[in-house]
Protein backbone atom coordinates (compact mmCIF):
# COMPACT_ATOMS: atom_id res chain seq x y z
CA UNK A 1 0.00 0.00 0.00
CA UNK A 2 1.23 3.47 -0.83
CA UNK A 3 0.93 6.72 1.08
CA UNK A 4 -0.40 9.93 -0.46
CA UNK A 5 -0.19 13.37 1.10
CA UNK A 6 -2.97 15.82 0.27
CA UNK A 7 -2.78 19.52 0.98
CA UNK A 8 -6.09 20.98 2.13
CA UNK A 9 -6.90 24.25 3.80
CA UNK A 10 -7.89 23.94 7.45
CA UNK A 11 -11.58 24.61 6.84
CA UNK A 12 -11.90 21.96 4.15
CA UNK A 13 -9.91 19.47 6.22
CA UNK A 14 -12.20 19.96 9.19
CA UNK A 15 -15.33 19.57 7.05
CA UNK A 16 -13.92 16.51 5.28
CA UNK A 17 -13.03 14.80 8.55
CA UNK A 18 -16.49 15.58 9.93
CA UNK A 19 -18.12 14.21 6.77
CA UNK A 20 -16.05 11.02 7.02
CA UNK A 21 -17.05 10.65 10.69
CA UNK A 22 -20.75 11.02 9.75
CA UNK A 23 -20.27 8.33 7.11
CA UNK A 24 -18.65 6.05 9.71
CA UNK A 25 -15.23 5.94 8.07
CA UNK A 26 -11.96 7.83 8.05
CA UNK A 27 -10.75 10.36 5.53
CA UNK A 28 -8.29 8.00 3.86
CA UNK A 29 -10.98 5.38 3.21
CA UNK A 30 -13.37 8.06 2.03
CA UNK A 31 -10.88 9.38 -0.55
CA UNK A 32 -9.87 5.86 -1.64
CA UNK A 33 -13.51 4.83 -2.16
CA UNK A 34 -14.22 8.00 -4.12
CA UNK A 35 -11.19 7.38 -6.37
CA UNK A 36 -12.24 3.74 -6.91
CA UNK A 37 -15.67 4.96 -7.95
CA UNK A 38 -14.24 7.51 -10.41
CA UNK A 39 -11.80 5.03 -11.95
CA UNK A 40 -14.61 2.47 -12.32
CA UNK A 41 -16.63 5.03 -14.29
CA UNK A 42 -13.73 5.55 -16.69
CA UNK A 43 -13.17 1.81 -17.08
CA UNK A 44 -16.89 1.23 -17.72
CA UNK A 45 -16.90 3.93 -20.41
CA UNK A 46 -14.15 2.25 -22.43
CA UNK A 47 -15.62 0.39 -25.37
CA UNK A 48 -14.97 -3.34 -25.45
CA UNK A 49 -12.92 -4.68 -28.34
CA UNK A 50 -14.91 -6.54 -30.98
CA UNK A 51 -14.41 -10.32 -30.54
CA UNK A 52 -12.49 -10.56 -33.84
CA UNK A 53 -9.98 -7.98 -32.65
CA UNK A 54 -9.83 -9.28 -29.08
CA UNK A 55 -8.85 -12.72 -30.48
CA UNK A 56 -5.76 -11.10 -32.05
CA UNK A 57 -4.66 -9.35 -28.86
CA UNK A 58 -1.10 -10.42 -27.96
CA UNK A 59 -0.59 -12.59 -31.06
CA UNK A 60 2.72 -10.96 -32.07
CA UNK A 61 5.88 -10.02 -30.24
CA UNK A 62 7.89 -7.03 -31.35
CA UNK A 63 11.55 -6.43 -30.52
CA UNK A 64 12.36 -4.15 -27.61
CA UNK A 65 12.58 -0.54 -28.73
CA UNK A 66 10.54 -1.12 -31.89
CA UNK A 67 9.13 2.19 -33.17
CA UNK A 68 6.15 1.63 -35.44
CA UNK A 69 6.02 5.36 -36.24
CA UNK A 70 9.49 5.18 -37.73
CA UNK A 71 8.52 2.20 -39.91
CA UNK A 72 5.32 3.90 -40.97
CA UNK A 73 7.25 7.04 -41.89
CA UNK A 74 9.67 4.96 -43.97
CA UNK A 75 6.77 3.52 -45.97
CA UNK A 76 5.65 7.01 -46.95
CA UNK A 77 9.18 8.21 -47.68
CA UNK A 78 10.07 5.27 -49.95
CA UNK A 79 9.16 6.38 -53.51
CA UNK A 80 8.69 2.76 -54.64
CA UNK A 81 6.40 1.96 -51.71
CA UNK A 82 8.60 -0.91 -50.59
C-alpha atoms as a PDB file:
ATOM      1  CA  UNK A   1       0.000   0.000   0.000  1.00  0.00           C
ATOM      2  CA  UNK A   2       1.230   3.473  -0.835  1.00  0.00           C
ATOM      3  CA  UNK A   3       0.927   6.720   1.076  1.00  0.00           C
ATOM      4  CA  UNK A   4      -0.395   9.926  -0.462  1.00  0.00           C
ATOM      5  CA  UNK A   5      -0.190  13.365   1.101  1.00  0.00           C
ATOM      6  CA  UNK A   6      -2.967  15.822   0.271  1.00  0.00           C
ATOM      7  CA  UNK A   7      -2.775  19.522   0.981  1.00  0.00           C
ATOM      8  CA  UNK A   8      -6.094  20.976   2.131  1.00  0.00           C
ATOM      9  CA  UNK A   9      -6.904  24.254   3.803  1.00  0.00           C
ATOM     10  CA  UNK A  10      -7.892  23.944   7.455  1.00  0.00           C
ATOM     11  CA  UNK A  11     -11.578  24.605   6.839  1.00  0.00           C
ATOM     12  CA  UNK A  12     -11.900  21.956   4.152  1.00  0.00           C
ATOM     13  CA  UNK A  13      -9.910  19.474   6.219  1.00  0.00           C
ATOM     14  CA  UNK A  14     -12.201  19.961   9.188  1.00  0.00           C
ATOM     15  CA  UNK A  15     -15.331  19.567   7.048  1.00  0.00           C
ATOM     16  CA  UNK A  16     -13.916  16.509   5.283  1.00  0.00           C
ATOM     17  CA  UNK A  17     -13.031  14.801   8.552  1.00  0.00           C
ATOM     18  CA  UNK A  18     -16.491  15.584   9.927  1.00  0.00           C
ATOM     19  CA  UNK A  19     -18.120  14.211   6.771  1.00  0.00           C
ATOM     20  CA  UNK A  20     -16.055  11.020   7.021  1.00  0.00           C
ATOM     21  CA  UNK A  21     -17.049  10.651  10.694  1.00  0.00           C
ATOM     22  CA  UNK A  22     -20.749  11.018   9.752  1.00  0.00           C
ATOM     23  CA  UNK A  23     -20.274   8.329   7.109  1.00  0.00           C
ATOM     24  CA  UNK A  24     -18.648   6.054   9.705  1.00  0.00           C
ATOM     25  CA  UNK A  25     -15.232   5.942   8.071  1.00  0.00           C
ATOM     26  CA  UNK A  26     -11.957   7.831   8.047  1.00  0.00           C
ATOM     27  CA  UNK A  27     -10.753  10.365   5.533  1.00  0.00           C
ATOM     28  CA  UNK A  28      -8.285   7.998   3.862  1.00  0.00           C
ATOM     29  CA  UNK A  29     -10.976   5.381   3.214  1.00  0.00           C
ATOM     30  CA  UNK A  30     -13.375   8.059   2.033  1.00  0.00           C
ATOM     31  CA  UNK A  31     -10.880   9.379  -0.547  1.00  0.00           C
ATOM     32  CA  UNK A  32      -9.871   5.864  -1.636  1.00  0.00           C
ATOM     33  CA  UNK A  33     -13.508   4.830  -2.158  1.00  0.00           C
ATOM     34  CA  UNK A  34     -14.219   7.998  -4.122  1.00  0.00           C
ATOM     35  CA  UNK A  35     -11.192   7.378  -6.365  1.00  0.00           C
ATOM     36  CA  UNK A  36     -12.235   3.740  -6.912  1.00  0.00           C
ATOM     37  CA  UNK A  37     -15.672   4.961  -7.954  1.00  0.00           C
ATOM     38  CA  UNK A  38     -14.245   7.512 -10.411  1.00  0.00           C
ATOM     39  CA  UNK A  39     -11.804   5.027 -11.946  1.00  0.00           C
ATOM     40  CA  UNK A  40     -14.611   2.471 -12.325  1.00  0.00           C
ATOM     41  CA  UNK A  41     -16.630   5.033 -14.294  1.00  0.00           C
ATOM     42  CA  UNK A  42     -13.734   5.549 -16.689  1.00  0.00           C
ATOM     43  CA  UNK A  43     -13.168   1.811 -17.077  1.00  0.00           C
ATOM     44  CA  UNK A  44     -16.886   1.233 -17.724  1.00  0.00           C
ATOM     45  CA  UNK A  45     -16.901   3.930 -20.413  1.00  0.00           C
ATOM     46  CA  UNK A  46     -14.145   2.248 -22.428  1.00  0.00           C
ATOM     47  CA  UNK A  47     -15.620   0.391 -25.372  1.00  0.00           C
ATOM     48  CA  UNK A  48     -14.971  -3.342 -25.451  1.00  0.00           C
ATOM     49  CA  UNK A  49     -12.924  -4.679 -28.340  1.00  0.00           C
ATOM     50  CA  UNK A  50     -14.912  -6.544 -30.980  1.00  0.00           C
ATOM     51  CA  UNK A  51     -14.405 -10.317 -30.543  1.00  0.00           C
ATOM     52  CA  UNK A  52     -12.491 -10.563 -33.839  1.00  0.00           C
ATOM     53  CA  UNK A  53      -9.978  -7.979 -32.653  1.00  0.00           C
ATOM     54  CA  UNK A  54      -9.834  -9.284 -29.079  1.00  0.00           C
ATOM     55  CA  UNK A  55      -8.855 -12.716 -30.483  1.00  0.00           C
ATOM     56  CA  UNK A  56      -5.757 -11.104 -32.053  1.00  0.00           C
ATOM     57  CA  UNK A  57      -4.656  -9.355 -28.856  1.00  0.00           C
ATOM     58  CA  UNK A  58      -1.100 -10.419 -27.963  1.00  0.00           C
ATOM     59  CA  UNK A  59      -0.593 -12.586 -31.058  1.00  0.00           C
ATOM     60  CA  UNK A  60       2.719 -10.955 -32.067  1.00  0.00           C
ATOM     61  CA  UNK A  61       5.884 -10.018 -30.240  1.00  0.00           C
ATOM     62  CA  UNK A  62       7.892  -7.025 -31.353  1.00  0.00           C
ATOM     63  CA  UNK A  63      11.545  -6.430 -30.518  1.00  0.00           C
ATOM     64  CA  UNK A  64      12.360  -4.147 -27.606  1.00  0.00           C
ATOM     65  CA  UNK A  65      12.580  -0.538 -28.728  1.00  0.00           C
ATOM     66  CA  UNK A  66      10.537  -1.118 -31.893  1.00  0.00           C
ATOM     67  CA  UNK A  67       9.134   2.188 -33.171  1.00  0.00           C
ATOM     68  CA  UNK A  68       6.149   1.634 -35.440  1.00  0.00           C
ATOM     69  CA  UNK A  69       6.017   5.362 -36.237  1.00  0.00           C
ATOM     70  CA  UNK A  70       9.491   5.179 -37.734  1.00  0.00           C
ATOM     71  CA  UNK A  71       8.524   2.197 -39.911  1.00  0.00           C
ATOM     72  CA  UNK A  72       5.322   3.897 -40.966  1.00  0.00           C
ATOM     73  CA  UNK A  73       7.247   7.039 -41.889  1.00  0.00           C
ATOM     74  CA  UNK A  74       9.674   4.960 -43.967  1.00  0.00           C
ATOM     75  CA  UNK A  75       6.772   3.523 -45.966  1.00  0.00           C
ATOM     76  CA  UNK A  76       5.649   7.011 -46.947  1.00  0.00           C
ATOM     77  CA  UNK A  77       9.180   8.208 -47.684  1.00  0.00           C
ATOM     78  CA  UNK A  78      10.070   5.267 -49.947  1.00  0.00           C
ATOM     79  CA  UNK A  79       9.156   6.378 -53.507  1.00  0.00           C
ATOM     80  CA  UNK A  80       8.687   2.761 -54.641  1.00  0.00           C
ATOM     81  CA  UNK A  81       6.398   1.962 -51.705  1.00  0.00           C
ATOM     82  CA  UNK A  82       8.599  -0.907 -50.590  1.00  0.00           C
END
